[in-house]
Amino acid sequence: MTTHDQDYYHQRAEAELAMAERAKTPEAVKVHYELAHHYLDRLNTPRRPPALFGSVSR
């Protein structure tokens, strides 16, 4: 994951947390917290790069 990606996920998580604090309904609060959680998971879970080609069998 690039530094740009890390910055993006961190900023999105922060934005979702801020929106959760300003949300007017419990449903909206829940959705914003769930989105923040997903962004933080992306930030903190190491990911393998996608395979460019399918597995090669010989």
PDB file of N, CA and C in Angstrom:
ATOM      1  N   MET A   1       0.843  -1.166   0.000  1.00  0.00           N
ATOM      2  CA  MET A   1       0.000   0.000   0.000  1.00  0.00           C
ATOM      3  C   MET A   1       0.896   1.239   0.000  1.00  0.00           C
ATOM      4  N   THR A   2       0.550   2.155  -0.846  1.00  0.00           N
ATOM      5  CA  THR A   2       1.363   3.368  -0.959  1.00  0.00           C
ATOM      6  C   THR A   2       1.049   4.332   0.184  1.00  0.00           C
ATOM      7  N   THR A   3       1.928   5.284   0.380  1.00  0.00           N
ATOM      8  CA  THR A   3       1.696   6.324   1.375  1.00  0.00           C
ATOM      9  C   THR A   3       0.433   7.109   1.031  1.00  0.00           C
ATOM     10  N   HIS A   4       0.215   7.330  -0.256  1.00  0.00           N
ATOM     11  CA  HIS A   4      -1.000   8.020  -0.693  1.00  0.00           C
ATOM     12  C   HIS A   4      -2.246   7.244  -0.265  1.00  0.00           C
ATOM     13  N   ASP A   5      -2.228   5.931  -0.454  1.00  0.00           N
ATOM     14  CA  ASP A   5      -3.353   5.086  -0.039  1.00  0.00           C
ATOM     15  C   ASP A   5      -3.561   5.168   1.476  1.00  0.00           C
ATOM     16  N   GLN A   6      -2.479   5.100   2.226  1.00  0.00           N
ATOM     17  CA  GLN A   6      -2.569   5.177   3.682  1.00  0.00           C
ATOM     18  C   GLN A   6      -3.185   6.508   4.116  1.00  0.00           C
ATOM     19  N   ASP A   7      -2.724   7.582   3.508  1.00  0.00           N
ATOM     20  CA  ASP A   7      -3.271   8.902   3.831  1.00  0.00           C
ATOM     21  C   ASP A   7      -4.754   8.977   3.503  1.00  0.00           C
ATOM     22  N   TYR A   8      -5.130   8.421   2.355  1.00  0.00           N
ATOM     23  CA  TYR A   8      -6.519   8.442   1.931  1.00  0.00           C
ATOM     24  C   TYR A   8      -7.409   7.702   2.945  1.00  0.00           C
ATOM     25  N   TYR A   9      -7.024   6.482   3.302  1.00  0.00           N
ATOM     26  CA  TYR A   9      -7.838   5.693   4.224  1.00  0.00           C
ATOM     27  C   TYR A   9      -7.920   6.361   5.597  1.00  0.00           C
ATOM     28  N   HIS A  10      -6.830   6.946   6.030  1.00  0.00           N
ATOM     29  CA  HIS A  10      -6.835   7.640   7.319  1.00  0.00           C
ATOM     30  C   HIS A  10      -7.764   8.850   7.268  1.00  0.00           C
ATOM     31  N   GLN A  11      -7.675   9.632   6.215  1.00  0.00           N
ATOM     32  CA  GLN A  11      -8.542  10.805   6.077  1.00  0.00           C
ATOM     33  C   GLN A  11     -10.010  10.405   5.989  1.00  0.00           C
ATOM     34  N   ARG A  12     -10.307   9.342   5.251  1.00  0.00           N
ATOM     35  CA  ARG A  12     -11.695   8.896   5.127  1.00  0.00           C
ATOM     36  C   ARG A  12     -12.237   8.414   6.474  1.00  0.00           C
ATOM     37  N   ALA A  13     -11.417   7.683   7.234  1.00  0.00           N
ATOM     38  CA  ALA A  13     -11.854   7.213   8.553  1.00  0.00           C
ATOM     39  C   ALA A  13     -12.143   8.405   9.464  1.00  0.00           C
ATOM     40  N   GLU A  14     -11.256   9.391   9.452  1.00  0.00           N
ATOM     41  CA  GLU A  14     -11.462  10.594  10.271  1.00  0.00           C
ATOM     42  C   GLU A  14     -12.735  11.323   9.859  1.00  0.00           C
ATOM     43  N   ALA A  15     -12.971  11.427   8.565  1.00  0.00           N
ATOM     44  CA  ALA A  15     -14.170  12.106   8.069  1.00  0.00           C
ATOM     45  C   ALA A  15     -15.428  11.358   8.501  1.00  0.00           C
ATOM     46  N   GLU A  16     -15.407  10.040   8.423  1.00  0.00           N
ATOM     47  CA  GLU A  16     -16.572   9.256   8.823  1.00  0.00           C
ATOM     48  C   GLU A  16     -16.835   9.390  10.319  1.00  0.00           C
ATOM     49  N   LEU A  17     -15.785   9.420  11.120  1.00  0.00           N
ATOM     50  CA  LEU A  17     -15.970   9.600  12.564  1.00  0.00           C
ATOM     51  C   LEU A  17     -16.568  10.971  12.866  1.00  0.00           C
ATOM     52  N   ALA A  18     -16.106  11.989  12.154  1.00  0.00           N
ATOM     53  CA  ALA A  18     -16.653  13.329  12.352  1.00  0.00           C
ATOM     54  C   ALA A  18     -18.125  13.380  11.945  1.00  0.00           C
ATOM     55  N   MET A  19     -18.461  12.718  10.840  1.00  0.00           N
ATOM     56  CA  MET A  19     -19.859  12.693  10.404  1.00  0.00           C
ATOM     57  C   MET A  19     -20.732  11.908  11.385  1.00  0.00           C
ATOM     58  N   ALA A  20     -20.174  10.866  11.986  1.00  0.00           N
ATOM     59  CA  ALA A  20     -20.926  10.100  12.987  1.00  0.00           C
ATOM     60  C   ALA A  20     -21.270  10.987  14.180  1.00  0.00           C
ATOM     61  N   GLU A  21     -20.334  11.833  14.573  1.00  0.00           N
ATOM     62  CA  GLU A  21     -20.579  12.729  15.697  1.00  0.00           C
ATOM     63  C   GLU A  21     -21.668  13.754  15.389  1.00  0.00           C
ATOM     64  N   ARG A  22     -21.797  14.146  14.129  1.00  0.00           N
ATOM     65  CA  ARG A  22     -22.786  15.154  13.739  1.00  0.00           C
ATOM     66  C   ARG A  22     -24.118  14.557  13.282  1.00  0.00           C
ATOM     67  N   ALA A  23     -24.153  13.254  13.113  1.00  0.00           N
ATOM     68  CA  ALA A  23     -25.357  12.607  12.588  1.00  0.00           C
ATOM     69  C   ALA A  23     -26.536  12.799  13.540  1.00  0.00           C
ATOM     70  N   LYS A  24     -27.717  12.896  12.956  1.00  0.00           N
ATOM     71  CA  LYS A  24     -28.930  13.174  13.728  1.00  0.00           C
ATOM     72  C   LYS A  24     -29.699  11.920  14.126  1.00  0.00           C
ATOM     73  N   THR A  25     -29.500  10.828  13.410  1.00  0.00           N
ATOM     74  CA  THR A  25     -30.256   9.612  13.722  1.00  0.00           C
ATOM     75  C   THR A  25     -29.302   8.479  14.113  1.00  0.00           C
ATOM     76  N   PRO A  26     -29.780   7.554  14.926  1.00  0.00           N
ATOM     77  CA  PRO A  26     -28.936   6.412  15.303  1.00  0.00           C
ATOM     78  C   PRO A  26     -28.489   5.583  14.104  1.00  0.00           C
ATOM     79  N   GLU A  27     -29.346   5.488  13.100  1.00  0.00           N
ATOM     80  CA  GLU A  27     -28.998   4.721  11.904  1.00  0.00           C
ATOM     81  C   GLU A  27     -27.819   5.347  11.177  1.00  0.00           C
ATOM     82  N   ALA A  28     -27.842   6.667  11.058  1.00  0.00           N
ATOM     83  CA  ALA A  28     -26.747   7.369  10.378  1.00  0.00           C
ATOM     84  C   ALA A  28     -25.448   7.244  11.176  1.00  0.00           C
ATOM     85  N   VAL A  29     -25.551   7.367  12.493  1.00  0.00           N
ATOM     86  CA  VAL A  29     -24.369   7.200  13.345  1.00  0.00           C
ATOM     87  C   VAL A  29     -23.752   5.827  13.102  1.00  0.00           C
ATOM     88  N   LYS A  30     -24.594   4.811  13.102  1.00  0.00           N
ATOM     89  CA  LYS A  30     -24.118   3.436  12.909  1.00  0.00           C
ATOM     90  C   LYS A  30     -23.409   3.269  11.565  1.00  0.00           C
ATOM     91  N   VAL A  31     -24.013   3.786  10.511  1.00  0.00           N
ATOM     92  CA  VAL A  31     -23.414   3.645   9.177  1.00  0.00           C
ATOM     93  C   VAL A  31     -22.062   4.346   9.109  1.00  0.00           C
ATOM     94  N   HIS A  32     -21.965   5.539   9.665  1.00  0.00           N
ATOM     95  CA  HIS A  32     -20.690   6.262   9.627  1.00  0.00           C
ATOM     96  C   HIS A  32     -19.614   5.528  10.430  1.00  0.00           C
ATOM     97  N   TYR A  33     -19.979   4.977  11.578  1.00  0.00           N
ATOM     98  CA  TYR A  33     -19.004   4.204  12.351  1.00  0.00           C
ATOM     99  C   TYR A  33     -18.587   2.937  11.608  1.00  0.00           C
ATOM    100  N   GLU A  34     -19.526   2.295  10.939  1.00  0.00           N
ATOM    101  CA  GLU A  34     -19.185   1.096  10.156  1.00  0.00           C
ATOM    102  C   GLU A  34     -18.233   1.448   9.014  1.00  0.00           C
ATOM    103  N   LEU A  35     -18.498   2.551   8.331  1.00  0.00           N
ATOM    104  CA  LEU A  35     -17.602   2.963   7.247  1.00  0.00           C
ATOM    105  C   LEU A  35     -16.213   3.294   7.789  1.00  0.00           C
ATOM    106  N   ALA A  36     -16.157   3.997   8.913  1.00  0.00           N
ATOM    107  CA  ALA A  36     -14.861   4.313   9.527  1.00  0.00           C
ATOM    108  C   ALA A  36     -14.118   3.025   9.859  1.00  0.00           C
ATOM    109  N   HIS A  37     -14.837   2.054  10.393  1.00  0.00           N
ATOM    110  CA  HIS A  37     -14.229   0.761  10.735  1.00  0.00           C
ATOM    111  C   HIS A  37     -13.639   0.089   9.492  1.00  0.00           C
ATOM    112  N   HIS A  38     -14.375   0.128   8.383  1.00  0.00           N
ATOM    113  CA  HIS A  38     -13.874  -0.486   7.146  1.00  0.00           C
ATOM    114  C   HIS A  38     -12.621   0.219   6.641  1.00  0.00           C
ATOM    115  N   TYR A  39     -12.614   1.550   6.686  1.00  0.00           N
ATOM    116  CA  TYR A  39     -11.414   2.275   6.259  1.00  0.00           C
ATOM    117  C   TYR A  39     -10.218   1.947   7.152  1.00  0.00           C
ATOM    118  N   LEU A  40     -10.446   1.857   8.460  1.00  0.00           N
ATOM    119  CA  LEU A  40      -9.344   1.518   9.363  1.00  0.00           C
ATOM    120  C   LEU A  40      -8.874   0.087   9.150  1.00  0.00           C
ATOM    121  N   ASP A  41      -9.796  -0.817   8.838  1.00  0.00           N
ATOM    122  CA  ASP A  41      -9.389  -2.189   8.506  1.00  0.00           C
ATOM    123  C   ASP A  41      -8.488  -2.200   7.280  1.00  0.00           C
ATOM    124  N   ARG A  42      -8.861  -1.449   6.261  1.00  0.00           N
ATOM    125  CA  ARG A  42      -8.032  -1.386   5.050  1.00  0.00           C
ATOM    126  C   ARG A  42      -6.654  -0.834   5.384  1.00  0.00           C
ATOM    127  N   LEU A  43      -6.627   0.145   6.274  1.00  0.00           N
ATOM    128  CA  LEU A  43      -5.369   0.784   6.646  1.00  0.00           C
ATOM    129  C   LEU A  43      -4.478  -0.159   7.442  1.00  0.00           C
ATOM    130  N   ASN A  44      -5.080  -0.972   8.289  1.00  0.00           N
ATOM    131  CA  ASN A  44      -4.296  -1.786   9.229  1.00  0.00           C
ATOM    132  C   ASN A  44      -4.141  -3.246   8.842  1.00  0.00           C
ATOM    133  N   THR A  45      -4.745  -3.659   7.745  1.00  0.00           N
ATOM    134  CA  THR A  45      -4.629  -5.049   7.314  1.00  0.00           C
ATOM    135  C   THR A  45      -3.696  -5.126   6.120  1.00  0.00           C
ATOM    136  N   PRO A  46      -2.598  -5.844   6.275  1.00  0.00           N
ATOM    137  CA  PRO A  46      -1.699  -5.972   5.125  1.00  0.00           C
ATOM    138  C   PRO A  46      -2.404  -6.686   3.979  1.00  0.00           C
ATOM    139  N   ARG A  47      -2.219  -6.189   2.818  1.00  0.00           N
ATOM    140  CA  ARG A  47      -2.851  -6.777   1.634  1.00  0.00           C
ATOM    141  C   ARG A  47      -1.765  -7.232   0.670  1.00  0.00           C
ATOM    142  N   ARG A  48      -2.033  -8.385   0.067  1.00  0.00           N
ATOM    143  CA  ARG A  48      -1.137  -8.832  -0.999  1.00  0.00           C
ATOM    144  C   ARG A  48      -1.579  -8.155  -2.279  1.00  0.00           C
ATOM    145  N   PRO A  49      -0.626  -7.794  -3.117  1.00  0.00           N
ATOM    146  CA  PRO A  49      -1.025  -7.201  -4.395  1.00  0.00           C
ATOM    147  C   PRO A  49      -1.814  -8.215  -5.215  1.00  0.00           C
ATOM    148  N   PRO A  50      -2.766  -7.745  -6.004  1.00  0.00           N
ATOM    149  CA  PRO A  50      -3.550  -8.686  -6.818  1.00  0.00           C
ATOM    150  C   PRO A  50      -2.663  -9.374  -7.844  1.00  0.00           C
ATOM    151  N   ALA A  51      -2.993 -10.615  -8.127  1.00  0.00           N
ATOM    152  CA  ALA A  51      -2.244 -11.366  -9.133  1.00  0.00           C
ATOM    153  C   ALA A  51      -2.551 -10.759 -10.504  1.00  0.00           C
ATOM    154  N   LEU A  52      -1.528 -10.568 -11.295  1.00  0.00           N
ATOM    155  CA  LEU A  52      -1.726 -10.016 -12.615  1.00  0.00           C
ATOM    156  C   LEU A  52      -2.237 -11.073 -13.579  1.00  0.00           C
ATOM    157  N   PHE A  53      -1.882 -12.307 -13.296  1.00  0.00           N
ATOM    158  CA  PHE A  53      -2.284 -13.412 -14.162  1.00  0.00           C
ATOM    159  C   PHE A  53      -2.797 -14.538 -13.276  1.00  0.00           C
ATOM    160  N   GLY A  54      -3.637 -15.373 -13.841  1.00  0.00           N
ATOM    161  CA  GLY A  54      -4.117 -16.547 -13.102  1.00  0.00           C
ATOM    162  C   GLY A  54      -2.955 -17.476 -12.816  1.00  0.00           C
ATOM    163  N   SER A  55      -3.199 -18.463 -12.005  1.00  0.00           N
ATOM    164  CA  SER A  55      -2.117 -19.402 -11.697  1.00  0.00           C
ATOM    165  C   SER A  55      -1.694 -20.127 -12.984  1.00  0.00           C
ATOM    166  N   VAL A  56      -0.427 -20.351 -13.045  1.00  0.00           N
ATOM    167  CA  VAL A  56       0.136 -20.999 -14.229  1.00  0.00           C
ATOM    168  C   VAL A  56       0.389 -22.461 -13.905  1.00  0.00           C
ATOM    169  N   SER A  57      -0.221 -23.340 -14.659  1.00  0.00           N
ATOM    170  CA  SER A  57       0.029 -24.762 -14.444  1.00  0.00           C
ATOM    171  C   SER A  57       0.795 -25.299 -15.655  1.00  0.00           C
ATOM    172  N   ARG A  58       1.696 -26.170 -15.360  1.00  0.00           N
ATOM    173  CA  ARG A  58       2.527 -26.741 -16.431  1.00  0.00           C
ATOM    174  C   ARG A  58       2.336 -28.207 -16.506  1.00  0.00           C
TER     175      ARG A  58
END
